[in-house]
């Protein structure tokens, strides 16, 4: 693994800095999926749809996602 730098606004920076190590890991996984898939000239919408499909196949339901997002807001 290696590290890259991306530009974000101040609110995103603060949210990321306040997130748990588990959330950092999850975000890293999502970003890796997006970048890996996007290397094949897919649109963001196509990549997001594929990520959503994979998550659903692995058992992620809208309720579980809402629970995860609610936990991160606290």
PDB file of N, CA and C in Angstrom:
ATOM      1  N   UNK A   1       0.839  -1.182   0.000  1.00  0.00           N
ATOM      2  CA  UNK A   1       0.000   0.000   0.000  1.00  0.00           C
ATOM      3  C   UNK A   1       0.879   1.238   0.000  1.00  0.00           C
ATOM      4  N   UNK A   2       0.304   2.298  -0.561  1.00  0.00           N
ATOM      5  CA  UNK A   2       0.978   3.584  -0.582  1.00  0.00           C
ATOM      6  C   UNK A   2      -0.049   4.667  -0.256  1.00  0.00           C
ATOM      7  N   UNK A   3       0.400   5.881  -0.099  1.00  0.00           N
ATOM      8  CA  UNK A   3      -0.466   6.983   0.270  1.00  0.00           C
ATOM      9  C   UNK A   3      -0.537   7.985  -0.870  1.00  0.00           C
ATOM     10  N   UNK A   4      -1.762   8.540  -1.091  1.00  0.00           N
ATOM     11  CA  UNK A   4      -1.934   9.619  -2.056  1.00  0.00           C
ATOM     12  C   UNK A   4      -2.555  10.806  -1.338  1.00  0.00           C
ATOM     13  N   UNK A   5      -2.508  11.956  -1.960  1.00  0.00           N
ATOM     14  CA  UNK A   5      -3.098  13.158  -1.394  1.00  0.00           C
ATOM     15  C   UNK A   5      -4.182  13.653  -2.332  1.00  0.00           C
ATOM     16  N   UNK A   6      -5.356  13.978  -1.782  1.00  0.00           N
ATOM     17  CA  UNK A   6      -6.430  14.555  -2.585  1.00  0.00           C
ATOM     18  C   UNK A   6      -6.898  15.842  -1.914  1.00  0.00           C
ATOM     19  N   UNK A   7      -7.419  16.757  -2.706  1.00  0.00           N
ATOM     20  CA  UNK A   7      -7.933  18.018  -2.167  1.00  0.00           C
ATOM     21  C   UNK A   7      -9.404  17.857  -1.807  1.00  0.00           C
ATOM     22  N   UNK A   8      -9.765  18.339  -0.626  1.00  0.00           N
ATOM     23  CA  UNK A   8     -11.146  18.341  -0.155  1.00  0.00           C
ATOM     24  C   UNK A   8     -11.405  19.669   0.533  1.00  0.00           C
ATOM     25  N   UNK A   9     -12.682  19.983   0.760  1.00  0.00           N
ATOM     26  CA  UNK A   9     -12.962  21.230   1.474  1.00  0.00           C
ATOM     27  C   UNK A   9     -12.756  21.029   2.974  1.00  0.00           C
ATOM     28  N   UNK A  10     -12.795  22.113   3.693  1.00  0.00           N
ATOM     29  CA  UNK A  10     -12.482  22.096   5.130  1.00  0.00           C
ATOM     30  C   UNK A  10     -13.439  21.210   5.934  1.00  0.00           C
ATOM     31  N   UNK A  11     -14.732  21.208   5.579  1.00  0.00           N
ATOM     32  CA  UNK A  11     -15.705  20.382   6.307  1.00  0.00           C
ATOM     33  C   UNK A  11     -15.395  18.897   6.169  1.00  0.00           C
ATOM     34  N   UNK A  12     -15.008  18.482   4.971  1.00  0.00           N
ATOM     35  CA  UNK A  12     -14.668  17.079   4.749  1.00  0.00           C
ATOM     36  C   UNK A  12     -13.407  16.725   5.518  1.00  0.00           C
ATOM     37  N   UNK A  13     -12.443  17.614   5.516  1.00  0.00           N
ATOM     38  CA  UNK A  13     -11.201  17.384   6.266  1.00  0.00           C
ATOM     39  C   UNK A  13     -11.513  17.167   7.745  1.00  0.00           C
ATOM     40  N   UNK A  14     -12.332  18.047   8.312  1.00  0.00           N
ATOM     41  CA  UNK A  14     -12.677  17.940   9.739  1.00  0.00           C
ATOM     42  C   UNK A  14     -13.428  16.635  10.025  1.00  0.00           C
ATOM     43  N   UNK A  15     -14.369  16.280   9.131  1.00  0.00           N
ATOM     44  CA  UNK A  15     -15.134  15.040   9.332  1.00  0.00           C
ATOM     45  C   UNK A  15     -14.201  13.836   9.278  1.00  0.00           C
ATOM     46  N   UNK A  16     -13.278  13.838   8.336  1.00  0.00           N
ATOM     47  CA  UNK A  16     -12.345  12.721   8.207  1.00  0.00           C
ATOM     48  C   UNK A  16     -11.451  12.628   9.440  1.00  0.00           C
ATOM     49  N   UNK A  17     -10.940  13.750   9.883  1.00  0.00           N
ATOM     50  CA  UNK A  17     -10.062  13.752  11.061  1.00  0.00           C
ATOM     51  C   UNK A  17     -10.790  13.275  12.309  1.00  0.00           C
ATOM     52  N   UNK A  18     -12.104  13.519  12.383  1.00  0.00           N
ATOM     53  CA  UNK A  18     -12.883  13.100  13.544  1.00  0.00           C
ATOM     54  C   UNK A  18     -13.432  11.688  13.445  1.00  0.00           C
ATOM     55  N   UNK A  19     -13.241  11.057  12.297  1.00  0.00           N
ATOM     56  CA  UNK A  19     -13.788   9.713  12.084  1.00  0.00           C
ATOM     57  C   UNK A  19     -12.951   8.655  12.797  1.00  0.00           C
ATOM     58  N   UNK A  20     -13.569   7.517  13.014  1.00  0.00           N
ATOM     59  CA  UNK A  20     -12.893   6.400  13.675  1.00  0.00           C
ATOM     60  C   UNK A  20     -11.926   5.721  12.703  1.00  0.00           C
ATOM     61  N   UNK A  21     -10.973   4.967  13.221  1.00  0.00           N
ATOM     62  CA  UNK A  21     -10.085   4.192  12.346  1.00  0.00           C
ATOM     63  C   UNK A  21     -10.859   3.246  11.428  1.00  0.00           C
ATOM     64  N   UNK A  22     -11.957   2.690  11.912  1.00  0.00           N
ATOM     65  CA  UNK A  22     -12.775   1.796  11.084  1.00  0.00           C
ATOM     66  C   UNK A  22     -13.381   2.566   9.910  1.00  0.00           C
ATOM     67  N   UNK A  23     -13.853   3.766  10.154  1.00  0.00           N
ATOM     68  CA  UNK A  23     -14.402   4.596   9.083  1.00  0.00           C
ATOM     69  C   UNK A  23     -13.316   4.948   8.076  1.00  0.00           C
ATOM     70  N   UNK A  24     -12.123   5.252   8.558  1.00  0.00           N
ATOM     71  CA  UNK A  24     -10.993   5.523   7.655  1.00  0.00           C
ATOM     72  C   UNK A  24     -10.752   4.325   6.737  1.00  0.00           C
ATOM     73  N   UNK A  25     -10.794   3.151   7.316  1.00  0.00           N
ATOM     74  CA  UNK A  25     -10.575   1.925   6.539  1.00  0.00           C
ATOM     75  C   UNK A  25     -11.673   1.745   5.493  1.00  0.00           C
ATOM     76  N   UNK A  26     -12.920   1.991   5.883  1.00  0.00           N
ATOM     77  CA  UNK A  26     -14.042   1.859   4.959  1.00  0.00           C
ATOM     78  C   UNK A  26     -13.934   2.863   3.815  1.00  0.00           C
ATOM     79  N   UNK A  27     -13.589   4.097   4.139  1.00  0.00           N
ATOM     80  CA  UNK A  27     -13.432   5.120   3.105  1.00  0.00           C
ATOM     81  C   UNK A  27     -12.298   4.777   2.157  1.00  0.00           C
ATOM     82  N   UNK A  28     -11.232   4.251   2.696  1.00  0.00           N
ATOM     83  CA  UNK A  28     -10.110   3.832   1.856  1.00  0.00           C
ATOM     84  C   UNK A  28     -10.549   2.738   0.887  1.00  0.00           C
ATOM     85  N   UNK A  29     -11.336   1.799   1.373  1.00  0.00           N
ATOM     86  CA  UNK A  29     -11.832   0.716   0.513  1.00  0.00           C
ATOM     87  C   UNK A  29     -12.724   1.247  -0.589  1.00  0.00           C
ATOM     88  N   UNK A  30     -13.611   2.168  -0.248  1.00  0.00           N
ATOM     89  CA  UNK A  30     -14.507   2.759  -1.244  1.00  0.00           C
ATOM     90  C   UNK A  30     -13.709   3.521  -2.294  1.00  0.00           C
ATOM     91  N   UNK A  31     -12.750   4.304  -1.852  1.00  0.00           N
ATOM     92  CA  UNK A  31     -11.936   5.072  -2.786  1.00  0.00           C
ATOM     93  C   UNK A  31     -11.131   4.150  -3.697  1.00  0.00           C
ATOM     94  N   UNK A  32     -10.594   3.085  -3.138  1.00  0.00           N
ATOM     95  CA  UNK A  32      -9.851   2.127  -3.956  1.00  0.00           C
ATOM     96  C   UNK A  32     -10.744   1.490  -5.018  1.00  0.00           C
ATOM     97  N   UNK A  33     -11.957   1.106  -4.623  1.00  0.00           N
ATOM     98  CA  UNK A  33     -12.895   0.534  -5.590  1.00  0.00           C
ATOM     99  C   UNK A  33     -13.205   1.528  -6.694  1.00  0.00           C
ATOM    100  N   UNK A  34     -13.475   2.762  -6.303  1.00  0.00           N
ATOM    101  CA  UNK A  34     -13.798   3.776  -7.293  1.00  0.00           C
ATOM    102  C   UNK A  34     -12.646   3.991  -8.262  1.00  0.00           C
ATOM    103  N   UNK A  35     -11.456   4.178  -7.743  1.00  0.00           N
ATOM    104  CA  UNK A  35     -10.315   4.448  -8.615  1.00  0.00           C
ATOM    105  C   UNK A  35      -9.973   3.250  -9.493  1.00  0.00           C
ATOM    106  N   UNK A  36     -10.043   2.076  -8.930  1.00  0.00           N
ATOM    107  CA  UNK A  36      -9.747   0.872  -9.706  1.00  0.00           C
ATOM    108  C   UNK A  36     -10.747   0.719 -10.854  1.00  0.00           C
ATOM    109  N   UNK A  37     -12.020   0.894 -10.562  1.00  0.00           N
ATOM    110  CA  UNK A  37     -13.053   0.761 -11.585  1.00  0.00           C
ATOM    111  C   UNK A  37     -12.987   1.909 -12.587  1.00  0.00           C
ATOM    112  N   UNK A  38     -12.669   3.095 -12.118  1.00  0.00           N
ATOM    113  CA  UNK A  38     -12.649   4.259 -12.985  1.00  0.00           C
ATOM    114  C   UNK A  38     -11.488   4.208 -13.975  1.00  0.00           C
ATOM    115  N   UNK A  39     -10.496   3.394 -13.707  1.00  0.00           N
ATOM    116  CA  UNK A  39      -9.383   3.242 -14.639  1.00  0.00           C
ATOM    117  C   UNK A  39      -9.853   2.638 -15.954  1.00  0.00           C
ATOM    118  N   UNK A  40     -11.040   2.069 -15.946  1.00  0.00           N
ATOM    119  CA  UNK A  40     -11.592   1.449 -17.147  1.00  0.00           C
ATOM    120  C   UNK A  40     -12.551   2.405 -17.856  1.00  0.00           C
ATOM    121  N   UNK A  41     -12.355   3.706 -17.634  1.00  0.00           N
ATOM    122  CA  UNK A  41     -13.132   4.766 -18.289  1.00  0.00           C
ATOM    123  C   UNK A  41     -14.633   4.684 -18.033  1.00  0.00           C
ATOM    124  N   UNK A  42     -15.005   4.361 -16.819  1.00  0.00           N
ATOM    125  CA  UNK A  42     -16.412   4.346 -16.454  1.00  0.00           C
ATOM    126  C   UNK A  42     -16.756   5.682 -15.805  1.00  0.00           C
ATOM    127  N   UNK A  43     -18.021   6.040 -15.869  1.00  0.00           N
ATOM    128  CA  UNK A  43     -18.461   7.266 -15.219  1.00  0.00           C
ATOM    129  C   UNK A  43     -18.608   7.021 -13.718  1.00  0.00           C
ATOM    130  N   UNK A  44     -18.659   8.102 -12.979  1.00  0.00           N
ATOM    131  CA  UNK A  44     -18.854   7.993 -11.536  1.00  0.00           C
ATOM    132  C   UNK A  44     -20.167   7.269 -11.240  1.00  0.00           C
ATOM    133  N   UNK A  45     -21.204   7.569 -11.985  1.00  0.00           N
ATOM    134  CA  UNK A  45     -22.508   6.926 -11.785  1.00  0.00           C
ATOM    135  C   UNK A  45     -22.419   5.418 -11.997  1.00  0.00           C
ATOM    136  N   UNK A  46     -21.705   4.997 -13.030  1.00  0.00           N
ATOM    137  CA  UNK A  46     -21.544   3.567 -13.300  1.00  0.00           C
ATOM    138  C   UNK A  46     -20.779   2.882 -12.171  1.00  0.00           C
ATOM    139  N   UNK A  47     -19.712   3.516 -11.717  1.00  0.00           N
ATOM    140  CA  UNK A  47     -18.911   2.944 -10.639  1.00  0.00           C
ATOM    141  C   UNK A  47     -19.723   2.862  -9.357  1.00  0.00           C
ATOM    142  N   UNK A  48     -20.472   3.912  -9.043  1.00  0.00           N
ATOM    143  CA  UNK A  48     -21.290   3.901  -7.833  1.00  0.00           C
ATOM    144  C   UNK A  48     -22.357   2.810  -7.904  1.00  0.00           C
ATOM    145  N   UNK A  49     -22.956   2.618  -9.064  1.00  0.00           N
ATOM    146  CA  UNK A  49     -23.962   1.563  -9.229  1.00  0.00           C
ATOM    147  C   UNK A  49     -23.332   0.190  -9.007  1.00  0.00           C
ATOM    148  N   UNK A  50     -22.134  -0.010  -9.532  1.00  0.00           N
ATOM    149  CA  UNK A  50     -21.450  -1.297  -9.341  1.00  0.00           C
ATOM    150  C   UNK A  50     -21.095  -1.525  -7.874  1.00  0.00           C
ATOM    151  N   UNK A  51     -20.620  -0.481  -7.203  1.00  0.00           N
ATOM    152  CA  UNK A  51     -20.296  -0.598  -5.777  1.00  0.00           C
ATOM    153  C   UNK A  51     -21.565  -0.930  -4.992  1.00  0.00           C
ATOM    154  N   UNK A  52     -22.667  -0.271  -5.328  1.00  0.00           N
ATOM    155  CA  UNK A  52     -23.945  -0.540  -4.668  1.00  0.00           C
ATOM    156  C   UNK A  52     -24.382  -1.982  -4.892  1.00  0.00           C
ATOM    157  N   UNK A  53     -24.286  -2.444  -6.118  1.00  0.00           N
ATOM    158  CA  UNK A  53     -24.655  -3.828  -6.427  1.00  0.00           C
ATOM    159  C   UNK A  53     -23.817  -4.818  -5.626  1.00  0.00           C
ATOM    160  N   UNK A  54     -22.531  -4.582  -5.557  1.00  0.00           N
ATOM    161  CA  UNK A  54     -21.642  -5.486  -4.802  1.00  0.00           C
ATOM    162  C   UNK A  54     -21.986  -5.470  -3.326  1.00  0.00           C
ATOM    163  N   UNK A  55     -22.253  -4.287  -2.788  1.00  0.00           N
ATOM    164  CA  UNK A  55     -22.597  -4.181  -1.367  1.00  0.00           C
ATOM    165  C   UNK A  55     -23.889  -4.942  -1.076  1.00  0.00           C
ATOM    166  N   UNK A  56     -24.877  -4.816  -1.953  1.00  0.00           N
ATOM    167  CA  UNK A  56     -26.141  -5.532  -1.762  1.00  0.00           C
ATOM    168  C   UNK A  56     -25.931  -7.036  -1.858  1.00  0.00           C
ATOM    169  N   UNK A  57     -25.093  -7.472  -2.784  1.00  0.00           N
ATOM    170  CA  UNK A  57     -24.805  -8.902  -2.919  1.00  0.00           C
ATOM    171  C   UNK A  57     -24.137  -9.450  -1.660  1.00  0.00           C
ATOM    172  N   UNK A  58     -23.419  -8.592  -0.958  1.00  0.00           N
ATOM    173  CA  UNK A  58     -22.726  -9.004   0.268  1.00  0.00           C
ATOM    174  C   UNK A  58     -23.585  -8.802   1.508  1.00  0.00           C
ATOM    175  N   UNK A  59     -24.849  -8.412   1.306  1.00  0.00           N
ATOM    176  CA  UNK A  59     -25.777  -8.333   2.430  1.00  0.00           C
ATOM    177  C   UNK A  59     -26.039  -6.952   2.990  1.00  0.00           C
ATOM    178  N   UNK A  60     -25.507  -5.908   2.378  1.00  0.00           N
ATOM    179  CA  UNK A  60     -25.772  -4.563   2.869  1.00  0.00           C
ATOM    180  C   UNK A  60     -27.174  -4.151   2.445  1.00  0.00           C
ATOM    181  N   UNK A  61     -27.999  -3.838   3.426  1.00  0.00           N
ATOM    182  CA  UNK A  61     -29.366  -3.388   3.148  1.00  0.00           C
ATOM    183  C   UNK A  61     -29.441  -1.879   3.378  1.00  0.00           C
ATOM    184  N   UNK A  62     -30.463  -1.214   2.868  1.00  0.00           N
ATOM    185  CA  UNK A  62     -30.612   0.218   3.139  1.00  0.00           C
ATOM    186  C   UNK A  62     -30.667   0.520   4.644  1.00  0.00           C
ATOM    187  N   UNK A  63     -31.276  -0.394   5.397  1.00  0.00           N
ATOM    188  CA  UNK A  63     -31.373  -0.192   6.847  1.00  0.00           C
ATOM    189  C   UNK A  63     -29.993  -0.254   7.505  1.00  0.00           C
ATOM    190  N   UNK A  64     -29.179  -1.218   7.099  1.00  0.00           N
ATOM    191  CA  UNK A  64     -27.830  -1.337   7.663  1.00  0.00           C
ATOM    192  C   UNK A  64     -27.005  -0.112   7.288  1.00  0.00           C
ATOM    193  N   UNK A  65     -27.122   0.329   6.043  1.00  0.00           N
ATOM    194  CA  UNK A  65     -26.387   1.515   5.607  1.00  0.00           C
ATOM    195  C   UNK A  65     -26.812   2.730   6.417  1.00  0.00           C
ATOM    196  N   UNK A  66     -28.100   2.892   6.631  1.00  0.00           N
ATOM    197  CA  UNK A  66     -28.592   4.025   7.422  1.00  0.00           C
ATOM    198  C   UNK A  66     -28.043   3.972   8.845  1.00  0.00           C
ATOM    199  N   UNK A  67     -27.977   2.779   9.410  1.00  0.00           N
ATOM    200  CA  UNK A  67     -27.422   2.580  10.743  1.00  0.00           C
ATOM    201  C   UNK A  67     -25.937   2.967  10.784  1.00  0.00           C
ATOM    202  N   UNK A  68     -25.194   2.567   9.788  1.00  0.00           N
ATOM    203  CA  UNK A  68     -23.770   2.905   9.713  1.00  0.00           C
ATOM    204  C   UNK A  68     -23.595   4.411   9.610  1.00  0.00           C
ATOM    205  N   UNK A  69     -24.390   5.036   8.746  1.00  0.00           N
ATOM    206  CA  UNK A  69     -24.291   6.485   8.575  1.00  0.00           C
ATOM    207  C   UNK A  69     -24.688   7.218   9.850  1.00  0.00           C
ATOM    208  N   UNK A  70     -25.692   6.725  10.549  1.00  0.00           N
ATOM    209  CA  UNK A  70     -26.133   7.349  11.803  1.00  0.00           C
ATOM    210  C   UNK A  70     -25.032   7.224  12.856  1.00  0.00           C
ATOM    211  N   UNK A  71     -24.355   6.077  12.905  1.00  0.00           N
ATOM    212  CA  UNK A  71     -23.265   5.882  13.854  1.00  0.00           C
ATOM    213  C   UNK A  71     -22.131   6.862  13.598  1.00  0.00           C
ATOM    214  N   UNK A  72     -21.876   7.172  12.336  1.00  0.00           N
ATOM    215  CA  UNK A  72     -20.785   8.088  11.992  1.00  0.00           C
ATOM    216  C   UNK A  72     -21.130   9.528  12.301  1.00  0.00           C
ATOM    217  N   UNK A  73     -22.406   9.853  12.407  1.00  0.00           N
ATOM    218  CA  UNK A  73     -22.820  11.221  12.736  1.00  0.00           C
ATOM    219  C   UNK A  73     -22.609  11.553  14.207  1.00  0.00           C
ATOM    220  N   UNK A  74     -22.503  10.536  15.026  1.00  0.00           N
ATOM    221  CA  UNK A  74     -22.402  10.754  16.472  1.00  0.00           C
ATOM    222  C   UNK A  74     -21.023  11.154  16.905  1.00  0.00           C
TER     223      UNK A  74
END
